[in-house]
């Protein structure tokens, strides 16, 4: 989520304590949902001709294989309800 850190000319992944400081000791699940909602708002304000907006609104012509359903942007509405926004 925050990407790797470059130290002494080498890349490393941040540890849990560093991530906890970055989100200011908040709930990581709520933080991720808030970031996703922020991105959702960003996409909604984009012009219709932008590639990201076209991909967001795109519906595939085929069905998915039988397995656990993938998380979709449509599930953002559920996040709004859970976060009481």
PDB file of N, CA and C in Angstrom:
ATOM      1  N   UNK A   1       0.811  -1.182   0.000  1.00  0.00           N
ATOM      2  CA  UNK A   1       0.000   0.000   0.000  1.00  0.00           C
ATOM      3  C   UNK A   1       0.862   1.257   0.000  1.00  0.00           C
ATOM      4  N   UNK A   2       1.889   1.305   0.811  1.00  0.00           N
ATOM      5  CA  UNK A   2       2.760   2.465   0.847  1.00  0.00           C
ATOM      6  C   UNK A   2       4.023   2.257   0.024  1.00  0.00           C
ATOM      7  N   UNK A   3       4.217   1.065  -0.471  1.00  0.00           N
ATOM      8  CA  UNK A   3       5.366   0.800  -1.327  1.00  0.00           C
ATOM      9  C   UNK A   3       6.646   0.581  -0.533  1.00  0.00           C
ATOM     10  N   UNK A   4       7.673   0.101  -1.227  1.00  0.00           N
ATOM     11  CA  UNK A   4       8.941  -0.165  -0.557  1.00  0.00           C
ATOM     12  C   UNK A   4       9.703   1.128  -0.240  1.00  0.00           C
ATOM     13  N   UNK A   5      10.705   1.004   0.619  1.00  0.00           N
ATOM     14  CA  UNK A   5      11.549   2.118   1.026  1.00  0.00           C
ATOM     15  C   UNK A   5      12.968   1.844   0.550  1.00  0.00           C
ATOM     16  N   UNK A   6      13.624   2.888   0.055  1.00  0.00           N
ATOM     17  CA  UNK A   6      15.003   2.721  -0.394  1.00  0.00           C
ATOM     18  C   UNK A   6      15.944   3.198   0.699  1.00  0.00           C
ATOM     19  N   UNK A   7      16.775   2.276   1.178  1.00  0.00           N
ATOM     20  CA  UNK A   7      17.769   2.583   2.207  1.00  0.00           C
ATOM     21  C   UNK A   7      19.102   2.007   1.778  1.00  0.00           C
ATOM     22  N   UNK A   8      20.142   2.809   1.844  1.00  0.00           N
ATOM     23  CA  UNK A   8      21.502   2.353   1.513  1.00  0.00           C
ATOM     24  C   UNK A   8      21.559   1.672   0.146  1.00  0.00           C
ATOM     25  N   UNK A   9      20.903   2.289  -0.824  1.00  0.00           N
ATOM     26  CA  UNK A   9      20.893   1.796  -2.207  1.00  0.00           C
ATOM     27  C   UNK A   9      20.187   0.447  -2.375  1.00  0.00           C
ATOM     28  N   UNK A  10      19.418   0.002  -1.374  1.00  0.00           N
ATOM     29  CA  UNK A  10      18.641  -1.232  -1.504  1.00  0.00           C
ATOM     30  C   UNK A  10      17.189  -0.943  -1.131  1.00  0.00           C
ATOM     31  N   UNK A  11      16.293  -1.719  -1.703  1.00  0.00           N
ATOM     32  CA  UNK A  11      14.860  -1.573  -1.433  1.00  0.00           C
ATOM     33  C   UNK A  11      14.440  -2.577  -0.375  1.00  0.00           C
ATOM     34  N   UNK A  12      13.558  -2.141   0.513  1.00  0.00           N
ATOM     35  CA  UNK A  12      13.002  -3.045   1.516  1.00  0.00           C
ATOM     36  C   UNK A  12      11.541  -2.703   1.746  1.00  0.00           C
ATOM     37  N   UNK A  13      10.809  -3.673   2.261  1.00  0.00           N
ATOM     38  CA  UNK A  13       9.393  -3.485   2.567  1.00  0.00           C
ATOM     39  C   UNK A  13       9.280  -2.927   3.984  1.00  0.00           C
ATOM     40  N   UNK A  14       8.358  -1.990   4.189  1.00  0.00           N
ATOM     41  CA  UNK A  14       8.167  -1.407   5.515  1.00  0.00           C
ATOM     42  C   UNK A  14       7.618  -2.463   6.481  1.00  0.00           C
ATOM     43  N   UNK A  15       8.030  -2.363   7.734  1.00  0.00           N
ATOM     44  CA  UNK A  15       7.522  -3.307   8.728  1.00  0.00           C
ATOM     45  C   UNK A  15       6.230  -2.767   9.345  1.00  0.00           C
ATOM     46  N   UNK A  16       5.591  -3.571  10.159  1.00  0.00           N
ATOM     47  CA  UNK A  16       4.290  -3.220  10.732  1.00  0.00           C
ATOM     48  C   UNK A  16       4.345  -1.958  11.593  1.00  0.00           C
ATOM     49  N   UNK A  17       5.433  -1.778  12.349  1.00  0.00           N
ATOM     50  CA  UNK A  17       5.541  -0.596  13.194  1.00  0.00           C
ATOM     51  C   UNK A  17       5.598   0.680  12.356  1.00  0.00           C
ATOM     52  N   UNK A  18       6.327   0.643  11.240  1.00  0.00           N
ATOM     53  CA  UNK A  18       6.412   1.809  10.361  1.00  0.00           C
ATOM     54  C   UNK A  18       5.049   2.117   9.733  1.00  0.00           C
ATOM     55  N   UNK A  19       4.352   1.086   9.313  1.00  0.00           N
ATOM     56  CA  UNK A  19       3.024   1.296   8.733  1.00  0.00           C
ATOM     57  C   UNK A  19       2.054   1.851   9.766  1.00  0.00           C
ATOM     58  N   UNK A  20       2.166   1.374  11.002  1.00  0.00           N
ATOM     59  CA  UNK A  20       1.299   1.863  12.069  1.00  0.00           C
ATOM     60  C   UNK A  20       1.528   3.350  12.314  1.00  0.00           C
ATOM     61  N   UNK A  21       2.794   3.789  12.276  1.00  0.00           N
ATOM     62  CA  UNK A  21       3.093   5.215  12.442  1.00  0.00           C
ATOM     63  C   UNK A  21       2.545   6.026  11.270  1.00  0.00           C
ATOM     64  N   UNK A  22       2.610   5.480  10.048  1.00  0.00           N
ATOM     65  CA  UNK A  22       2.125   6.201   8.876  1.00  0.00           C
ATOM     66  C   UNK A  22       0.620   6.441   8.918  1.00  0.00           C
ATOM     67  N   UNK A  23      -0.124   5.486   9.461  1.00  0.00           N
ATOM     68  CA  UNK A  23      -1.582   5.673   9.539  1.00  0.00           C
ATOM     69  C   UNK A  23      -1.998   6.236  10.895  1.00  0.00           C
ATOM     70  N   UNK A  24      -1.026   6.647  11.684  1.00  0.00           N
ATOM     71  CA  UNK A  24      -1.255   7.313  12.977  1.00  0.00           C
ATOM     72  C   UNK A  24      -2.070   6.452  13.922  1.00  0.00           C
ATOM     73  N   UNK A  25      -1.678   5.194  14.020  1.00  0.00           N
ATOM     74  CA  UNK A  25      -2.275   4.236  14.960  1.00  0.00           C
ATOM     75  C   UNK A  25      -3.772   4.042  14.748  1.00  0.00           C
ATOM     76  N   UNK A  26      -4.233   4.221  13.522  1.00  0.00           N
ATOM     77  CA  UNK A  26      -5.643   4.016  13.214  1.00  0.00           C
ATOM     78  C   UNK A  26      -5.917   2.575  12.809  1.00  0.00           C
ATOM     79  N   UNK A  27      -7.148   2.305  12.527  1.00  0.00           N
ATOM     80  CA  UNK A  27      -7.552   0.988  12.072  1.00  0.00           C
ATOM     81  C   UNK A  27      -7.184   0.852  10.597  1.00  0.00           C
ATOM     82  N   UNK A  28      -6.357  -0.105  10.251  1.00  0.00           N
ATOM     83  CA  UNK A  28      -5.862  -0.257   8.882  1.00  0.00           C
ATOM     84  C   UNK A  28      -6.999  -0.542   7.904  1.00  0.00           C
ATOM     85  N   UNK A  29      -7.995  -1.297   8.322  1.00  0.00           N
ATOM     86  CA  UNK A  29      -9.116  -1.611   7.435  1.00  0.00           C
ATOM     87  C   UNK A  29      -9.877  -0.338   7.085  1.00  0.00           C
ATOM     88  N   UNK A  30     -10.150   0.494   8.088  1.00  0.00           N
ATOM     89  CA  UNK A  30     -10.845   1.757   7.824  1.00  0.00           C
ATOM     90  C   UNK A  30      -9.993   2.687   6.977  1.00  0.00           C
ATOM     91  N   UNK A  31      -8.683   2.671   7.191  1.00  0.00           N
ATOM     92  CA  UNK A  31      -7.796   3.510   6.390  1.00  0.00           C
ATOM     93  C   UNK A  31      -7.846   3.100   4.921  1.00  0.00           C
ATOM     94  N   UNK A  32      -7.793   1.808   4.662  1.00  0.00           N
ATOM     95  CA  UNK A  32      -7.842   1.315   3.281  1.00  0.00           C
ATOM     96  C   UNK A  32      -9.173   1.675   2.642  1.00  0.00           C
ATOM     97  N   UNK A  33     -10.271   1.518   3.385  1.00  0.00           N
ATOM     98  CA  UNK A  33     -11.585   1.878   2.849  1.00  0.00           C
ATOM     99  C   UNK A  33     -11.651   3.372   2.545  1.00  0.00           C
ATOM    100  N   UNK A  34     -11.085   4.193   3.415  1.00  0.00           N
ATOM    101  CA  UNK A  34     -11.095   5.641   3.183  1.00  0.00           C
ATOM    102  C   UNK A  34     -10.283   5.994   1.940  1.00  0.00           C
ATOM    103  N   UNK A  35      -9.142   5.348   1.755  1.00  0.00           N
ATOM    104  CA  UNK A  35      -8.325   5.605   0.569  1.00  0.00           C
ATOM    105  C   UNK A  35      -9.066   5.168  -0.691  1.00  0.00           C
ATOM    106  N   UNK A  36      -9.761   4.046  -0.616  1.00  0.00           N
ATOM    107  CA  UNK A  36     -10.521   3.546  -1.764  1.00  0.00           C
ATOM    108  C   UNK A  36     -11.664   4.509  -2.094  1.00  0.00           C
ATOM    109  N   UNK A  37     -12.324   5.038  -1.071  1.00  0.00           N
ATOM    110  CA  UNK A  37     -13.388   6.007  -1.295  1.00  0.00           C
ATOM    111  C   UNK A  37     -12.838   7.302  -1.886  1.00  0.00           C
ATOM    112  N   UNK A  38     -11.649   7.678  -1.468  1.00  0.00           N
ATOM    113  CA  UNK A  38     -11.007   8.866  -2.038  1.00  0.00           C
ATOM    114  C   UNK A  38     -10.744   8.666  -3.526  1.00  0.00           C
ATOM    115  N   UNK A  39     -10.241   7.485  -3.880  1.00  0.00           N
ATOM    116  CA  UNK A  39      -9.998   7.173  -5.295  1.00  0.00           C
ATOM    117  C   UNK A  39     -11.312   7.139  -6.075  1.00  0.00           C
ATOM    118  N   UNK A  40     -12.350   6.583  -5.470  1.00  0.00           N
ATOM    119  CA  UNK A  40     -13.666   6.534  -6.099  1.00  0.00           C
ATOM    120  C   UNK A  40     -14.156   7.945  -6.421  1.00  0.00           C
ATOM    121  N   UNK A  41     -14.012   8.871  -5.477  1.00  0.00           N
ATOM    122  CA  UNK A  41     -14.408  10.254  -5.718  1.00  0.00           C
ATOM    123  C   UNK A  41     -13.586  10.895  -6.816  1.00  0.00           C
ATOM    124  N   UNK A  42     -12.305  10.570  -6.843  1.00  0.00           N
ATOM    125  CA  UNK A  42     -11.422  11.093  -7.888  1.00  0.00           C
ATOM    126  C   UNK A  42     -11.883  10.625  -9.264  1.00  0.00           C
ATOM    127  N   UNK A  43     -12.224   9.354  -9.382  1.00  0.00           N
ATOM    128  CA  UNK A  43     -12.693   8.791 -10.653  1.00  0.00           C
ATOM    129  C   UNK A  43     -14.015   9.432 -11.062  1.00  0.00           C
ATOM    130  N   UNK A  44     -14.906   9.656 -10.104  1.00  0.00           N
ATOM    131  CA  UNK A  44     -16.211  10.243 -10.412  1.00  0.00           C
ATOM    132  C   UNK A  44     -16.088  11.668 -10.957  1.00  0.00           C
ATOM    133  N   UNK A  45     -15.070  12.409 -10.517  1.00  0.00           N
ATOM    134  CA  UNK A  45     -14.897  13.783 -10.987  1.00  0.00           C
ATOM    135  C   UNK A  45     -14.173  13.868 -12.327  1.00  0.00           C
ATOM    136  N   UNK A  46     -13.616  12.750 -12.818  1.00  0.00           N
ATOM    137  CA  UNK A  46     -12.887  12.759 -14.088  1.00  0.00           C
ATOM    138  C   UNK A  46     -13.820  12.981 -15.266  1.00  0.00           C
ATOM    139  N   UNK A  47     -13.241  13.475 -16.354  1.00  0.00           N
ATOM    140  CA  UNK A  47     -13.994  13.621 -17.599  1.00  0.00           C
ATOM    141  C   UNK A  47     -14.312  12.239 -18.155  1.00  0.00           C
ATOM    142  N   UNK A  48     -15.416  12.133 -18.865  1.00  0.00           N
ATOM    143  CA  UNK A  48     -15.866  10.842 -19.400  1.00  0.00           C
ATOM    144  C   UNK A  48     -14.873  10.235 -20.390  1.00  0.00           C
ATOM    145  N   UNK A  49     -14.064  11.066 -21.043  1.00  0.00           N
ATOM    146  CA  UNK A  49     -13.140  10.572 -22.069  1.00  0.00           C
ATOM    147  C   UNK A  49     -11.864   9.972 -21.480  1.00  0.00           C
ATOM    148  N   UNK A  50     -11.610  10.140 -20.194  1.00  0.00           N
ATOM    149  CA  UNK A  50     -10.383   9.638 -19.582  1.00  0.00           C
ATOM    150  C   UNK A  50     -10.400   8.112 -19.522  1.00  0.00           C
ATOM    151  N   UNK A  51      -9.230   7.509 -19.694  1.00  0.00           N
ATOM    152  CA  UNK A  51      -9.113   6.043 -19.735  1.00  0.00           C
ATOM    153  C   UNK A  51      -9.565   5.398 -18.427  1.00  0.00           C
ATOM    154  N   UNK A  52      -9.166   5.973 -17.297  1.00  0.00           N
ATOM    155  CA  UNK A  52      -9.541   5.386 -16.007  1.00  0.00           C
ATOM    156  C   UNK A  52     -11.059   5.390 -15.819  1.00  0.00           C
ATOM    157  N   UNK A  53     -11.716   6.432 -16.262  1.00  0.00           N
ATOM    158  CA  UNK A  53     -13.173   6.515 -16.137  1.00  0.00           C
ATOM    159  C   UNK A  53     -13.844   5.488 -17.049  1.00  0.00           C
ATOM    160  N   UNK A  54     -13.305   5.315 -18.273  1.00  0.00           N
ATOM    161  CA  UNK A  54     -13.859   4.322 -19.190  1.00  0.00           C
ATOM    162  C   UNK A  54     -13.711   2.917 -18.615  1.00  0.00           C
ATOM    163  N   UNK A  55     -12.564   2.620 -18.042  1.00  0.00           N
ATOM    164  CA  UNK A  55     -12.338   1.293 -17.447  1.00  0.00           C
ATOM    165  C   UNK A  55     -13.263   1.093 -16.251  1.00  0.00           C
ATOM    166  N   UNK A  56     -13.450   2.131 -15.460  1.00  0.00           N
ATOM    167  CA  UNK A  56     -14.333   2.040 -14.295  1.00  0.00           C
ATOM    168  C   UNK A  56     -15.764   1.699 -14.698  1.00  0.00           C
ATOM    169  N   UNK A  57     -16.233   2.286 -15.787  1.00  0.00           N
ATOM    170  CA  UNK A  57     -17.613   2.068 -16.231  1.00  0.00           C
ATOM    171  C   UNK A  57     -17.770   0.855 -17.146  1.00  0.00           C
ATOM    172  N   UNK A  58     -16.679   0.238 -17.560  1.00  0.00           N
ATOM    173  CA  UNK A  58     -16.711  -0.873 -18.506  1.00  0.00           C
ATOM    174  C   UNK A  58     -17.373  -2.103 -17.892  1.00  0.00           C
ATOM    175  N   UNK A  59     -18.191  -2.792 -18.666  1.00  0.00           N
ATOM    176  CA  UNK A  59     -18.798  -4.059 -18.260  1.00  0.00           C
ATOM    177  C   UNK A  59     -18.297  -5.145 -19.201  1.00  0.00           C
ATOM    178  N   UNK A  60     -17.741  -6.228 -18.671  1.00  0.00           N
ATOM    179  CA  UNK A  60     -17.261  -7.298 -19.539  1.00  0.00           C
ATOM    180  C   UNK A  60     -18.417  -7.982 -20.265  1.00  0.00           C
ATOM    181  N   UNK A  61     -18.124  -8.519 -21.431  1.00  0.00           N
ATOM    182  CA  UNK A  61     -19.148  -9.185 -22.228  1.00  0.00           C
ATOM    183  C   UNK A  61     -19.337 -10.651 -21.829  1.00  0.00           C
ATOM    184  N   UNK A  62     -18.373 -11.206 -21.126  1.00  0.00           N
ATOM    185  CA  UNK A  62     -18.434 -12.611 -20.719  1.00  0.00           C
ATOM    186  C   UNK A  62     -18.693 -12.700 -19.221  1.00  0.00           C
ATOM    187  N   UNK A  63     -18.980 -13.906 -18.766  1.00  0.00           N
ATOM    188  CA  UNK A  63     -19.186 -14.127 -17.339  1.00  0.00           C
ATOM    189  C   UNK A  63     -17.890 -14.629 -16.722  1.00  0.00           C
ATOM    190  N   UNK A  64     -17.812 -14.518 -15.430  1.00  0.00           N
ATOM    191  CA  UNK A  64     -16.633 -15.001 -14.705  1.00  0.00           C
ATOM    192  C   UNK A  64     -16.769 -16.500 -14.439  1.00  0.00           C
ATOM    193  N   UNK A  65     -15.650 -17.181 -14.252  1.00  0.00           N
ATOM    194  CA  UNK A  65     -15.733 -18.596 -13.902  1.00  0.00           C
ATOM    195  C   UNK A  65     -16.359 -18.779 -12.519  1.00  0.00           C
ATOM    196  N   UNK A  66     -16.872 -19.968 -12.261  1.00  0.00           N
ATOM    197  CA  UNK A  66     -17.501 -20.235 -10.979  1.00  0.00           C
ATOM    198  C   UNK A  66     -16.446 -20.339  -9.899  1.00  0.00           C
ATOM    199  N   UNK A  67     -16.440 -19.395  -9.006  1.00  0.00           N
ATOM    200  CA  UNK A  67     -15.561 -19.371  -7.849  1.00  0.00           C
ATOM    201  C   UNK A  67     -16.007 -18.215  -6.978  1.00  0.00           C
ATOM    202  N   UNK A  68     -15.228 -17.892  -5.996  1.00  0.00           N
ATOM    203  CA  UNK A  68     -15.578 -16.772  -5.126  1.00  0.00           C
ATOM    204  C   UNK A  68     -15.622 -15.484  -5.954  1.00  0.00           C
ATOM    205  N   UNK A  69     -16.683 -14.686  -5.827  1.00  0.00           N
ATOM    206  CA  UNK A  69     -16.770 -13.460  -6.625  1.00  0.00           C
ATOM    207  C   UNK A  69     -15.677 -12.465  -6.249  1.00  0.00           C
ATOM    208  N   UNK A  70     -15.171 -11.769  -7.237  1.00  0.00           N
ATOM    209  CA  UNK A  70     -14.153 -10.763  -7.026  1.00  0.00           C
ATOM    210  C   UNK A  70     -14.788  -9.505  -6.431  1.00  0.00           C
ATOM    211  N   UNK A  71     -14.004  -8.741  -5.715  1.00  0.00           N
ATOM    212  CA  UNK A  71     -14.474  -7.483  -5.159  1.00  0.00           C
ATOM    213  C   UNK A  71     -14.587  -6.474  -6.290  1.00  0.00           C
ATOM    214  N   UNK A  72     -15.698  -5.780  -6.368  1.00  0.00           N
ATOM    215  CA  UNK A  72     -15.947  -4.830  -7.449  1.00  0.00           C
ATOM    216  C   UNK A  72     -16.089  -3.430  -6.877  1.00  0.00           C
ATOM    217  N   UNK A  73     -15.947  -2.444  -7.747  1.00  0.00           N
ATOM    218  CA  UNK A  73     -16.129  -1.057  -7.334  1.00  0.00           C
ATOM    219  C   UNK A  73     -17.553  -0.827  -6.862  1.00  0.00           C
ATOM    220  N   UNK A  74     -18.482  -1.652  -7.327  1.00  0.00           N
ATOM    221  CA  UNK A  74     -19.865  -1.502  -6.879  1.00  0.00           C
ATOM    222  C   UNK A  74     -19.991  -1.745  -5.381  1.00  0.00           C
ATOM    223  N   UNK A  75     -19.035  -2.450  -4.801  1.00  0.00           N
ATOM    224  CA  UNK A  75     -19.054  -2.723  -3.373  1.00  0.00           C
ATOM    225  C   UNK A  75     -18.680  -1.492  -2.546  1.00  0.00           C
ATOM    226  N   UNK A  76     -18.290  -0.412  -3.201  1.00  0.00           N
ATOM    227  CA  UNK A  76     -17.976   0.833  -2.508  1.00  0.00           C
ATOM    228  C   UNK A  76     -19.193   1.322  -1.734  1.00  0.00           C
ATOM    229  N   UNK A  77     -20.369   1.118  -2.279  1.00  0.00           N
ATOM    230  CA  UNK A  77     -21.604   1.559  -1.614  1.00  0.00           C
ATOM    231  C   UNK A  77     -21.733   0.881  -0.251  1.00  0.00           C
ATOM    232  N   UNK A  78     -21.340  -0.386  -0.179  1.00  0.00           N
ATOM    233  CA  UNK A  78     -21.368  -1.088   1.099  1.00  0.00           C
ATOM    234  C   UNK A  78     -20.396  -0.444   2.083  1.00  0.00           C
ATOM    235  N   UNK A  79     -19.228  -0.041   1.600  1.00  0.00           N
ATOM    236  CA  UNK A  79     -18.249   0.615   2.461  1.00  0.00           C
ATOM    237  C   UNK A  79     -18.799   1.931   3.004  1.00  0.00           C
ATOM    238  N   UNK A  80     -19.509   2.668   2.167  1.00  0.00           N
ATOM    239  CA  UNK A  80     -20.102   3.931   2.607  1.00  0.00           C
ATOM    240  C   UNK A  80     -21.063   3.691   3.763  1.00  0.00           C
ATOM    241  N   UNK A  81     -21.872   2.640   3.652  1.00  0.00           N
ATOM    242  CA  UNK A  81     -22.803   2.323   4.729  1.00  0.00           C
ATOM    243  C   UNK A  81     -22.105   1.891   5.997  1.00  0.00           C
ATOM    244  N   UNK A  82     -21.052   1.084   5.869  1.00  0.00           N
ATOM    245  CA  UNK A  82     -20.343   0.609   7.049  1.00  0.00           C
ATOM    246  C   UNK A  82     -19.604   1.731   7.759  1.00  0.00           C
ATOM    247  N   UNK A  83     -19.098   2.693   6.983  1.00  0.00           N
ATOM    248  CA  UNK A  83     -18.344   3.796   7.591  1.00  0.00           C
ATOM    249  C   UNK A  83     -19.260   4.951   7.990  1.00  0.00           C
ATOM    250  N   UNK A  84     -20.584   4.774   7.781  1.00  0.00           N
ATOM    251  CA  UNK A  84     -21.592   5.764   8.145  1.00  0.00           C
ATOM    252  C   UNK A  84     -21.321   7.108   7.502  1.00  0.00           C
ATOM    253  N   UNK A  85     -21.050   7.067   6.197  1.00  0.00           N
ATOM    254  CA  UNK A  85     -20.785   8.300   5.420  1.00  0.00           C
ATOM    255  C   UNK A  85     -21.984   8.594   4.572  1.00  0.00           C
TER     256      UNK A  85
END
